[in-house]
């Protein structure tokens, strides 16, 4: 610790200077000889030269004080204006009134934050400022759950109106969900209900109403676009172009080349544009699932592997994918016909059910009871799990299978006798 220096002693203050003696008034006018001054009639011309008239300092002080007040008011006004500008820049924001004017299509990209969405809305003329949108949505938990996609908004909306609209289910358009097992044509279920196929799903996703005008395209529009399309321009992978062009119908050339998933379709796009967008995204997804020219099933091309994966998807539940894949490979290896009901029902636009004898006797490229080998194209949308099962089938000698559980599981057999016993078990359980 440092030592504190001793306190300095202040020197005594010097004694104040002596006061000046009081000023004595002049006796200039005191003498009696000037008592008659008012009566003097002499010449006053030289009196003005005696001394100039002193200025009036009080008037000057008033002028300076006025200027000072004006300057002070100006400074205060400038400071107040600057403070307001700074406050408004930091805490204030512009905002429109009301629910908006005309419709506008707005896109939220994957990963957009609330502030990013607000900035985009301001750029699109939906809100006056991004801050208006962000402030209005501070207490709305739905805003944090906004997903990427297209939304129908309005121009010149207040921040609160924009938050309410974009978080409502009716605002989002262009959603396309494609699930495994789906095919391009609609499927009629046993109870008569229709399960929409890819053509119908795309047509629905294209629909929105912008300023009273519909953006919908039809399933027939899409079908015609596939029929007339250049597959390479659509984004079909090179390994699939030649075999896909051998389909029995041109509108079936994209079967199996659409990957399952969620897609954002821009309403107002043409049929060709929608198809191209979905196909290009699917090509990447199929490769990510493990199928490529360098990764195929044993002795198969990539397209043949895709066909096998589509049959696996339609014939089995996920737990049986591997075993069914092995059954297909084993039958092909011994030149046994695949005899898959799913391929017969594909042409009939029905789900995988047992077929009768008359149906199995019908001719056609997809009848694997009548024709040896694989059908000409895939028959459904295969999942990544089905693709993996087709690329890497497990080891096994199974040649036969039959659904023997009500949950969809199958019983597999190596010999026909064993298969017949499994069929009888399935009947006892009411499965077939």
Protein backbone atom coordinates (compact mmCIF):
# COMPACT_ATOMS: atom_id res chain seq x y z
CA UNK A 1 0.00 0.00 0.00
CA UNK A 2 1.29 3.44 -0.87
CA UNK A 3 1.72 6.07 1.81
CA UNK A 4 -0.54 9.03 1.54
CA UNK A 5 1.38 12.29 1.31
CA UNK A 6 0.81 14.70 4.13
CA UNK A 7 -1.98 17.12 3.51
CA UNK A 8 -0.70 20.36 2.02
CA UNK A 9 -1.22 23.41 4.10
CA UNK A 10 -2.90 26.10 2.07
CA UNK A 11 -1.20 29.47 2.39
CA UNK A 12 -3.23 32.07 4.15
CA UNK A 13 -5.25 34.24 1.89
CA UNK A 14 -3.77 37.69 1.34
CA UNK A 15 -5.58 40.52 2.98
CA UNK A 16 -8.07 42.16 0.65
CA UNK A 17 -6.90 45.45 -0.84
CA UNK A 18 -8.12 48.53 0.95
CA UNK A 19 -11.42 49.82 -0.22
CA UNK A 20 -11.34 52.78 -2.53
CA UNK A 21 -12.57 55.98 -0.96
CA UNK A 22 -16.10 56.80 -1.94
CA UNK A 23 -16.35 58.96 -5.09
CA UNK A 24 -17.19 62.51 -4.23
CA UNK A 25 -19.78 64.16 -6.37
CA UNK A 26 -18.47 66.98 -8.51
CA UNK A 27 -19.21 70.53 -7.46
CA UNK A 28 -19.50 71.57 -11.12
CA UNK A 29 -23.10 72.69 -10.66
CA UNK A 30 -22.85 73.37 -6.93
CA UNK A 31 -21.59 76.96 -6.94
CA UNK A 32 -24.10 79.66 -6.52
CA UNK A 33 -22.82 81.42 -9.58
CA UNK A 34 -24.63 78.84 -11.68
CA UNK A 35 -27.99 79.20 -10.01
CA UNK A 36 -29.13 81.31 -12.92
CA UNK A 37 -28.00 78.71 -15.46
CA UNK A 38 -31.51 78.18 -16.80
CA UNK A 39 -31.77 81.81 -17.59
CA UNK A 40 -28.63 81.92 -19.64
CA UNK A 41 -29.37 82.97 -23.20
CA UNK A 42 -25.89 82.74 -24.58
CA UNK A 43 -24.63 80.70 -27.47
CA UNK A 44 -24.95 76.85 -26.91
CA UNK A 45 -23.22 75.75 -30.07
CA UNK A 46 -20.00 74.81 -28.32
CA UNK A 47 -21.78 72.77 -25.65
CA UNK A 48 -22.34 69.79 -27.93
CA UNK A 49 -18.62 69.50 -28.39
CA UNK A 50 -18.05 69.14 -24.73
CA UNK A 51 -18.78 65.39 -24.56
CA UNK A 52 -20.52 62.80 -26.79
CA UNK A 53 -23.82 61.50 -25.52
CA UNK A 54 -23.21 58.08 -23.88
CA UNK A 55 -24.70 55.00 -25.57
CA UNK A 56 -27.61 53.23 -24.01
CA UNK A 57 -26.28 49.82 -23.06
CA UNK A 58 -29.68 48.51 -21.92
CA UNK A 59 -30.98 48.47 -25.50
CA UNK A 60 -27.93 46.54 -26.68
CA UNK A 61 -28.45 44.00 -23.94
CA UNK A 62 -32.03 43.52 -25.02
CA UNK A 63 -30.93 42.83 -28.61
CA UNK A 64 -28.31 40.29 -27.58
CA UNK A 65 -30.77 38.58 -25.28
CA UNK A 66 -33.31 38.23 -28.10
CA UNK A 67 -30.71 36.75 -30.40
CA UNK A 68 -29.71 34.35 -27.65
CA UNK A 69 -33.28 33.14 -27.19
CA UNK A 70 -33.65 32.58 -30.94
CA UNK A 71 -30.41 30.60 -31.05
CA UNK A 72 -31.40 28.58 -27.99
CA UNK A 73 -34.79 27.74 -29.49
CA UNK A 74 -33.12 26.71 -32.74
CA UNK A 75 -30.67 24.45 -30.90
CA UNK A 76 -33.48 22.90 -28.87
CA UNK A 77 -35.47 22.29 -32.05
CA UNK A 78 -32.49 20.68 -33.72
CA UNK A 79 -31.80 18.53 -30.70
CA UNK A 80 -35.45 17.53 -30.44
CA UNK A 81 -35.59 16.70 -34.14
CA UNK A 82 -32.42 14.65 -33.92
CA UNK A 83 -33.69 12.86 -30.84
CA UNK A 84 -36.97 12.06 -32.57
CA UNK A 85 -35.17 10.84 -35.67
CA UNK A 86 -32.89 8.66 -33.56
CA UNK A 87 -35.80 7.32 -31.51
CA UNK A 88 -37.79 6.60 -34.65
CA UNK A 89 -34.81 4.93 -36.32
CA UNK A 90 -34.26 2.66 -33.34
CA UNK A 91 -37.73 2.12 -31.94
CA UNK A 92 -40.20 3.38 -34.53
CA UNK A 93 -41.28 1.90 -37.87
CA UNK A 94 -43.62 2.53 -40.74
CA UNK A 95 -46.84 0.57 -40.95
CA UNK A 96 -49.82 0.38 -43.27
CA UNK A 97 -53.43 0.36 -42.11
CA UNK A 98 -55.97 -2.33 -42.90
CA UNK A 99 -56.05 -5.81 -44.40
CA UNK A 100 -54.46 -4.94 -47.73
CA UNK A 101 -55.38 -4.47 -51.37
CA UNK A 102 -54.52 -6.85 -54.22
CA UNK A 103 -53.30 -10.47 -54.01
CA UNK A 104 -49.63 -11.27 -54.35
CA UNK A 105 -47.81 -14.63 -54.31
CA UNK A 106 -45.09 -14.69 -51.66
CA UNK A 107 -42.42 -17.35 -51.10
CA UNK A 108 -40.78 -18.32 -47.81
CA UNK A 109 -37.46 -20.06 -48.30
CA UNK A 110 -36.12 -22.85 -46.14
CA UNK A 111 -34.35 -21.40 -43.10
CA UNK A 112 -35.92 -17.91 -43.29
CA UNK A 113 -36.13 -16.23 -39.89
CA UNK A 114 -39.02 -13.99 -38.86
CA UNK A 115 -36.94 -10.88 -39.57
CA UNK A 116 -35.94 -12.28 -42.98
CA UNK A 117 -39.59 -12.94 -43.82
CA UNK A 118 -40.46 -9.41 -42.69
CA UNK A 119 -37.76 -7.90 -44.89
CA UNK A 120 -38.96 -9.89 -47.91
CA UNK A 121 -42.57 -8.85 -47.26
CA UNK A 122 -41.49 -5.21 -47.18
CA UNK A 123 -39.58 -5.61 -50.47
CA UNK A 124 -42.67 -7.23 -52.04
CA UNK A 125 -44.85 -4.31 -50.93
CA UNK A 126 -46.90 -6.45 -48.56
CA UNK A 127 -45.97 -4.47 -45.42
CA UNK A 128 -44.54 -0.97 -45.00
CA UNK A 129 -41.52 -2.23 -43.06
CA UNK A 130 -40.07 -5.47 -41.84
CA UNK A 131 -40.19 -4.13 -38.28
CA UNK A 132 -43.96 -3.72 -38.49
CA UNK A 133 -44.27 -7.43 -39.25
CA UNK A 134 -41.76 -8.52 -36.60
CA UNK A 135 -43.31 -6.35 -33.87
CA UNK A 136 -46.82 -7.54 -34.68
CA UNK A 137 -45.74 -11.18 -34.43
CA UNK A 138 -43.74 -10.99 -31.20
CA UNK A 139 -46.46 -12.70 -29.16
CA UNK A 140 -47.69 -15.09 -31.86
CA UNK A 141 -46.16 -18.58 -31.42
CA UNK A 142 -47.52 -19.68 -34.83
CA UNK A 143 -45.11 -17.33 -36.60
CA UNK A 144 -42.10 -19.36 -35.49
CA UNK A 145 -43.65 -22.44 -37.14
CA UNK A 146 -44.01 -20.93 -40.62
CA UNK A 147 -42.67 -23.42 -43.17
CA UNK A 148 -41.05 -22.81 -46.51
CA UNK A 149 -43.46 -22.58 -49.41
CA UNK A 150 -45.82 -20.23 -51.22
CA UNK A 151 -48.41 -17.97 -49.55
CA UNK A 152 -51.11 -15.74 -50.98
CA UNK A 153 -50.71 -12.34 -49.29
CA UNK A 154 -51.98 -8.84 -50.09
CA UNK A 155 -50.21 -5.60 -50.83
CA UNK A 156 -50.26 -2.73 -48.30
CA UNK A 157 -51.17 -4.81 -45.27
CA UNK A 158 -50.64 -3.71 -41.69
CA UNK A 159 -48.06 -5.75 -39.82
CA UNK A 160 -50.77 -7.34 -37.67
CA UNK A 161 -52.89 -8.27 -40.69
CA UNK A 162 -49.88 -9.82 -42.42
CA UNK A 163 -49.07 -11.94 -39.37
CA UNK A 164 -52.68 -13.12 -39.08
CA UNK A 165 -52.87 -14.07 -42.76
CA UNK A 166 -49.54 -15.83 -43.18
CA UNK A 167 -50.21 -17.98 -40.09
CA UNK A 168 -53.66 -19.04 -41.33
CA UNK A 169 -53.94 -22.40 -43.15
CA UNK A 170 -55.79 -20.79 -46.06
CA UNK A 171 -52.80 -18.65 -47.04
CA UNK A 172 -50.44 -21.46 -47.96
CA UNK A 173 -50.69 -22.81 -51.51
CA UNK A 174 -48.66 -25.05 -53.80
CA UNK A 175 -48.14 -27.91 -51.36
CA UNK A 176 -47.42 -31.23 -53.05
CA UNK A 177 -46.95 -34.33 -50.92
CA UNK A 178 -46.01 -37.54 -52.71
CA UNK A 179 -45.94 -40.69 -50.63
CA UNK A 180 -44.33 -44.05 -51.31
CA UNK A 181 -46.58 -46.56 -53.10
CA UNK A 182 -48.26 -43.80 -55.19
CA UNK A 183 -48.46 -44.16 -58.95
CA UNK A 184 -49.18 -41.56 -61.63
CA UNK A 185 -52.77 -42.67 -62.29
CA UNK A 186 -55.49 -42.60 -59.64
CA UNK A 187 -56.18 -45.86 -57.77
CA UNK A 188 -59.67 -47.10 -57.00
CA UNK A 189 -59.92 -48.78 -53.61
CA UNK A 190 -62.15 -51.84 -52.90
CA UNK A 191 -64.75 -49.59 -51.24
CA UNK A 192 -64.92 -47.40 -54.34
CA UNK A 193 -62.94 -44.48 -52.95
CA UNK A 194 -60.32 -43.00 -55.25
CA UNK A 195 -56.76 -42.45 -54.08
CA UNK A 196 -55.31 -39.61 -56.16
CA UNK A 197 -52.24 -40.38 -58.21
CA UNK A 198 -49.33 -38.07 -58.99
CA UNK A 199 -51.13 -36.38 -61.90
CA UNK A 200 -54.07 -35.44 -59.67
CA UNK A 201 -51.83 -34.40 -56.79
CA UNK A 202 -49.82 -32.08 -59.03
CA UNK A 203 -52.97 -30.59 -60.50
CA UNK A 204 -54.32 -29.80 -57.04
CA UNK A 205 -51.02 -28.26 -55.93
CA UNK A 206 -51.05 -25.92 -58.92
CA UNK A 207 -54.27 -24.25 -57.76
CA UNK A 208 -54.56 -20.82 -56.21
CA UNK A 209 -56.80 -17.80 -56.75
CA UNK A 210 -54.96 -14.54 -57.39
CA UNK A 211 -57.13 -11.45 -57.75
CA UNK A 212 -60.09 -13.59 -58.76
CA UNK A 213 -58.19 -15.61 -61.36
CA UNK A 214 -57.52 -19.36 -60.96
CA UNK A 215 -54.03 -20.75 -61.59
CA UNK A 216 -55.16 -24.40 -61.78
CA UNK A 217 -53.94 -26.79 -64.43
CA UNK A 218 -55.59 -30.19 -64.97
CA UNK A 219 -54.34 -33.74 -64.69
CA UNK A 220 -54.90 -34.07 -68.43
CA UNK A 221 -52.64 -31.05 -69.02
CA UNK A 222 -49.90 -32.81 -67.06
CA UNK A 223 -50.48 -36.12 -68.81
CA UNK A 224 -50.13 -34.44 -72.21
CA UNK A 225 -46.98 -32.67 -71.04
CA UNK A 226 -45.37 -36.00 -70.07
CA UNK A 227 -46.44 -37.53 -73.35
CA UNK A 228 -44.76 -34.74 -75.36
CA UNK A 229 -41.78 -34.05 -73.11
CA UNK A 230 -38.09 -34.44 -73.83
CA UNK A 231 -37.03 -36.48 -70.79
CA UNK A 232 -33.54 -35.02 -70.73
CA UNK A 233 -34.89 -31.48 -70.64
CA UNK A 234 -37.18 -32.45 -67.77
CA UNK A 235 -34.15 -33.53 -65.74
CA UNK A 236 -34.48 -37.32 -65.95
CA UNK A 237 -31.09 -38.94 -65.16
CA UNK A 238 -29.16 -40.15 -68.19
CA UNK A 239 -29.31 -43.79 -67.10
CA UNK A 240 -33.13 -43.73 -67.15
CA UNK A 241 -33.83 -41.94 -70.44
CA UNK A 242 -33.46 -44.83 -72.89
CA UNK A 243 -35.34 -47.52 -70.92
CA UNK A 244 -38.08 -45.08 -69.85
CA UNK A 245 -38.73 -44.21 -73.49
CA UNK A 246 -39.60 -47.89 -74.06
CA UNK A 247 -42.70 -47.66 -71.86
CA UNK A 248 -45.86 -49.04 -73.41
CA UNK A 249 -47.43 -45.56 -73.09
CA UNK A 250 -45.55 -42.29 -73.23
CA UNK A 251 -47.43 -40.85 -70.27
CA UNK A 252 -45.96 -43.68 -68.12
CA UNK A 253 -42.35 -42.72 -68.85
CA UNK A 254 -41.89 -40.90 -65.53
CA UNK A 255 -43.29 -43.71 -63.38
CA UNK A 256 -40.91 -44.47 -60.51
CA UNK A 257 -38.73 -41.44 -61.28
CA UNK A 258 -40.58 -39.23 -58.79
CA UNK A 259 -39.24 -39.49 -55.25
CA UNK A 260 -41.50 -39.34 -52.20
CA UNK A 261 -41.45 -36.10 -50.26
CA UNK A 262 -42.84 -32.60 -49.91
CA UNK A 263 -42.58 -30.21 -52.84
CA UNK A 264 -43.42 -26.52 -53.21
CA UNK A 265 -45.17 -25.92 -56.51
CA UNK A 266 -45.49 -22.33 -57.67
CA UNK A 267 -49.11 -21.67 -58.65
CA UNK A 268 -49.25 -20.17 -62.10
CA UNK A 269 -46.48 -22.42 -63.44
CA UNK A 270 -47.07 -24.40 -66.62
CA UNK A 271 -47.42 -28.19 -66.63
CA UNK A 272 -43.93 -28.47 -68.12
CA UNK A 273 -42.44 -26.24 -65.40
CA UNK A 274 -44.08 -28.20 -62.58
CA UNK A 275 -42.94 -31.53 -63.98
CA UNK A 276 -39.39 -30.26 -64.48
CA UNK A 277 -39.18 -28.92 -60.93
CA UNK A 278 -40.38 -32.17 -59.36
CA UNK A 279 -38.30 -34.44 -61.61
CA UNK A 280 -35.06 -32.54 -60.96
CA UNK A 281 -35.60 -32.63 -57.21
CA UNK A 282 -36.45 -36.35 -57.44
CA UNK A 283 -33.32 -37.19 -59.41
CA UNK A 284 -31.21 -35.82 -56.58
CA UNK A 285 -33.33 -37.59 -53.95
CA UNK A 286 -33.06 -40.98 -55.72
CA UNK A 287 -29.31 -40.65 -55.88
CA UNK A 288 -29.22 -39.69 -52.19
CA UNK A 289 -31.23 -42.85 -51.47
CA UNK A 290 -28.33 -44.89 -52.80
CA UNK A 291 -29.19 -45.58 -56.43
CA UNK A 292 -26.75 -44.54 -59.16
CA UNK A 293 -24.77 -46.08 -62.02
CA UNK A 294 -22.14 -46.98 -59.43
CA UNK A 295 -24.65 -48.38 -56.92
CA UNK A 296 -27.17 -50.89 -58.28
CA UNK A 297 -28.67 -54.23 -57.41
CA UNK A 298 -26.62 -57.41 -58.18
CA UNK A 299 -26.32 -57.73 -61.95
CA UNK A 300 -28.88 -54.97 -62.58
CA UNK A 301 -28.83 -51.60 -64.26
CA UNK A 302 -29.96 -48.57 -62.23
CA UNK A 303 -33.34 -48.55 -64.00
CA UNK A 304 -33.91 -52.28 -63.41
CA UNK A 305 -33.04 -51.76 -59.75
CA UNK A 306 -35.63 -48.97 -59.62
CA UNK A 307 -38.27 -51.33 -61.09
CA UNK A 308 -37.46 -53.94 -58.43
CA UNK A 309 -37.71 -51.28 -55.71
CA UNK A 310 -41.15 -50.21 -56.96
CA UNK A 311 -42.43 -53.82 -56.82
CA UNK A 312 -41.04 -54.24 -53.30
CA UNK A 313 -42.90 -51.07 -52.26
CA UNK A 314 -46.23 -52.36 -53.57
CA UNK A 315 -45.91 -55.97 -52.44
CA UNK A 316 -44.54 -55.84 -48.89
CA UNK A 317 -44.47 -53.94 -45.64
CA UNK A 318 -41.20 -52.35 -44.60
CA UNK A 319 -40.15 -55.19 -42.30
CA UNK A 320 -40.27 -57.62 -45.25
CA UNK A 321 -38.55 -55.42 -47.85
CA UNK A 322 -35.24 -57.27 -47.68
CA UNK A 323 -36.68 -60.79 -47.93
CA UNK A 324 -39.00 -59.85 -50.80
CA UNK A 325 -36.08 -58.30 -52.64
CA UNK A 326 -34.23 -61.59 -52.33
CA UNK A 327 -37.28 -63.50 -53.63
CA UNK A 328 -37.34 -61.31 -56.76
CA UNK A 329 -33.62 -61.78 -57.41
CA UNK A 330 -33.88 -65.55 -56.83
CA UNK A 331 -36.80 -65.91 -59.24
CA UNK A 332 -35.01 -63.91 -61.92
CA UNK A 333 -31.89 -66.02 -61.43
CA UNK A 334 -33.76 -69.26 -62.17
CA UNK A 335 -35.85 -67.74 -65.00
CA UNK A 336 -39.00 -68.10 -62.93
CA UNK A 337 -41.79 -65.66 -63.72
CA UNK A 338 -42.24 -63.07 -60.98
CA UNK A 339 -46.01 -63.70 -60.75
CA UNK A 340 -46.65 -60.47 -58.85
CA UNK A 341 -50.25 -59.35 -58.41
CA UNK A 342 -49.02 -55.78 -58.03
CA UNK A 343 -47.87 -55.62 -61.65
CA UNK A 344 -51.25 -56.90 -62.91
CA UNK A 345 -53.14 -54.42 -60.73
CA UNK A 346 -50.91 -51.55 -61.86
CA UNK A 347 -52.57 -51.60 -65.28
CA UNK A 348 -55.99 -51.99 -63.64
CA UNK A 349 -55.32 -48.98 -61.35
CA UNK A 350 -56.04 -50.99 -58.23
CA UNK A 351 -54.07 -51.44 -55.02
CA UNK A 352 -52.12 -54.62 -54.38
CA UNK A 353 -54.78 -57.29 -53.95
CA UNK A 354 -55.10 -60.87 -55.02
CA UNK A 355 -56.01 -61.25 -58.65
CA UNK A 356 -58.33 -63.82 -60.16
CA UNK A 357 -57.51 -66.29 -62.90
CA UNK A 358 -59.13 -64.25 -65.66
CA UNK A 359 -57.06 -61.18 -64.78
CA UNK A 360 -53.87 -63.19 -64.65
CA UNK A 361 -54.57 -64.52 -68.15
CA UNK A 362 -54.86 -61.12 -69.72
CA UNK A 363 -52.02 -60.17 -71.98
CA UNK A 364 -50.05 -57.01 -71.44
CA UNK A 365 -46.52 -55.80 -70.79
CA UNK A 366 -47.10 -55.60 -67.03
CA UNK A 367 -48.55 -59.10 -66.55
CA UNK A 368 -45.71 -60.93 -64.82
CA UNK A 369 -47.78 -64.12 -64.74
CA UNK A 370 -47.67 -64.22 -68.52
CA UNK A 371 -44.30 -62.54 -69.17
CA UNK A 372 -40.86 -63.46 -67.87
CA UNK A 373 -38.55 -60.85 -66.38
CA UNK A 374 -39.31 -57.37 -65.14
CA UNK A 375 -42.12 -55.11 -66.34
CA UNK A 376 -41.08 -52.29 -68.70
CA UNK A 377 -41.22 -49.49 -66.09
CA UNK A 378 -41.52 -49.11 -62.33
CA UNK A 379 -45.07 -49.41 -61.01
CA UNK A 380 -45.00 -46.98 -58.07
CA UNK A 381 -43.02 -44.44 -56.10
CA UNK A 382 -40.37 -46.41 -54.19
CA UNK A 383 -39.23 -45.25 -50.77
CA UNK A 384 -35.53 -44.94 -49.85
CA UNK A 385 -35.92 -48.15 -47.80
CA UNK A 386 -37.27 -50.04 -50.81
CA UNK A 387 -34.40 -48.71 -52.95
CA UNK A 388 -31.87 -49.86 -50.37
CA UNK A 389 -33.49 -53.31 -50.25
CA UNK A 390 -33.26 -53.54 -54.05
CA UNK A 391 -29.62 -52.40 -54.08
CA UNK A 392 -28.53 -54.70 -51.25
CA UNK A 393 -30.80 -57.75 -50.90
CA UNK A 394 -29.97 -59.99 -47.94
CA UNK A 395 -28.68 -63.50 -48.44
CA UNK A 396 -31.35 -66.20 -48.55
CA UNK A 397 -32.89 -69.03 -50.58
CA UNK A 398 -36.51 -67.86 -50.45
CA UNK A 399 -38.47 -68.21 -53.65
CA UNK A 400 -42.08 -68.06 -52.38
CA UNK A 401 -44.00 -65.69 -50.13
CA UNK A 402 -47.58 -65.05 -49.08
CA UNK A 403 -49.16 -62.55 -46.71
CA UNK A 404 -49.95 -64.56 -43.62
CA UNK A 405 -50.48 -61.86 -40.97
CA UNK A 406 -53.25 -59.29 -40.77
CA UNK A 407 -50.64 -56.61 -40.15
CA UNK A 408 -49.26 -57.25 -43.65
CA UNK A 409 -46.30 -59.44 -42.79
CA UNK A 410 -45.54 -62.33 -45.14
CA UNK A 411 -44.42 -65.90 -44.65
CA UNK A 412 -41.45 -66.87 -46.86
CA UNK A 413 -40.60 -70.34 -48.14
CA UNK A 414 -37.86 -72.11 -50.05
CA UNK A 415 -39.96 -75.01 -51.39
CA UNK A 416 -43.43 -75.13 -52.88
CA UNK A 417 -44.65 -77.53 -50.16
CA UNK A 418 -43.60 -75.11 -47.48
CA UNK A 419 -45.30 -72.32 -49.43
CA UNK A 420 -48.57 -74.30 -49.58
CA UNK A 421 -48.49 -74.73 -45.80
CA UNK A 422 -48.02 -70.96 -45.43
CA UNK A 423 -50.97 -70.35 -47.71
CA UNK A 424 -53.18 -72.61 -45.60
CA UNK A 425 -52.06 -70.73 -42.49
CA UNK A 426 -53.00 -67.45 -44.15
CA UNK A 427 -56.48 -68.79 -44.93
CA UNK A 428 -56.96 -69.94 -41.33
CA UNK A 429 -56.06 -66.47 -40.15
CA UNK A 430 -58.48 -64.86 -42.59
CA UNK A 431 -55.77 -63.02 -44.47
CA UNK A 432 -56.51 -64.53 -47.88
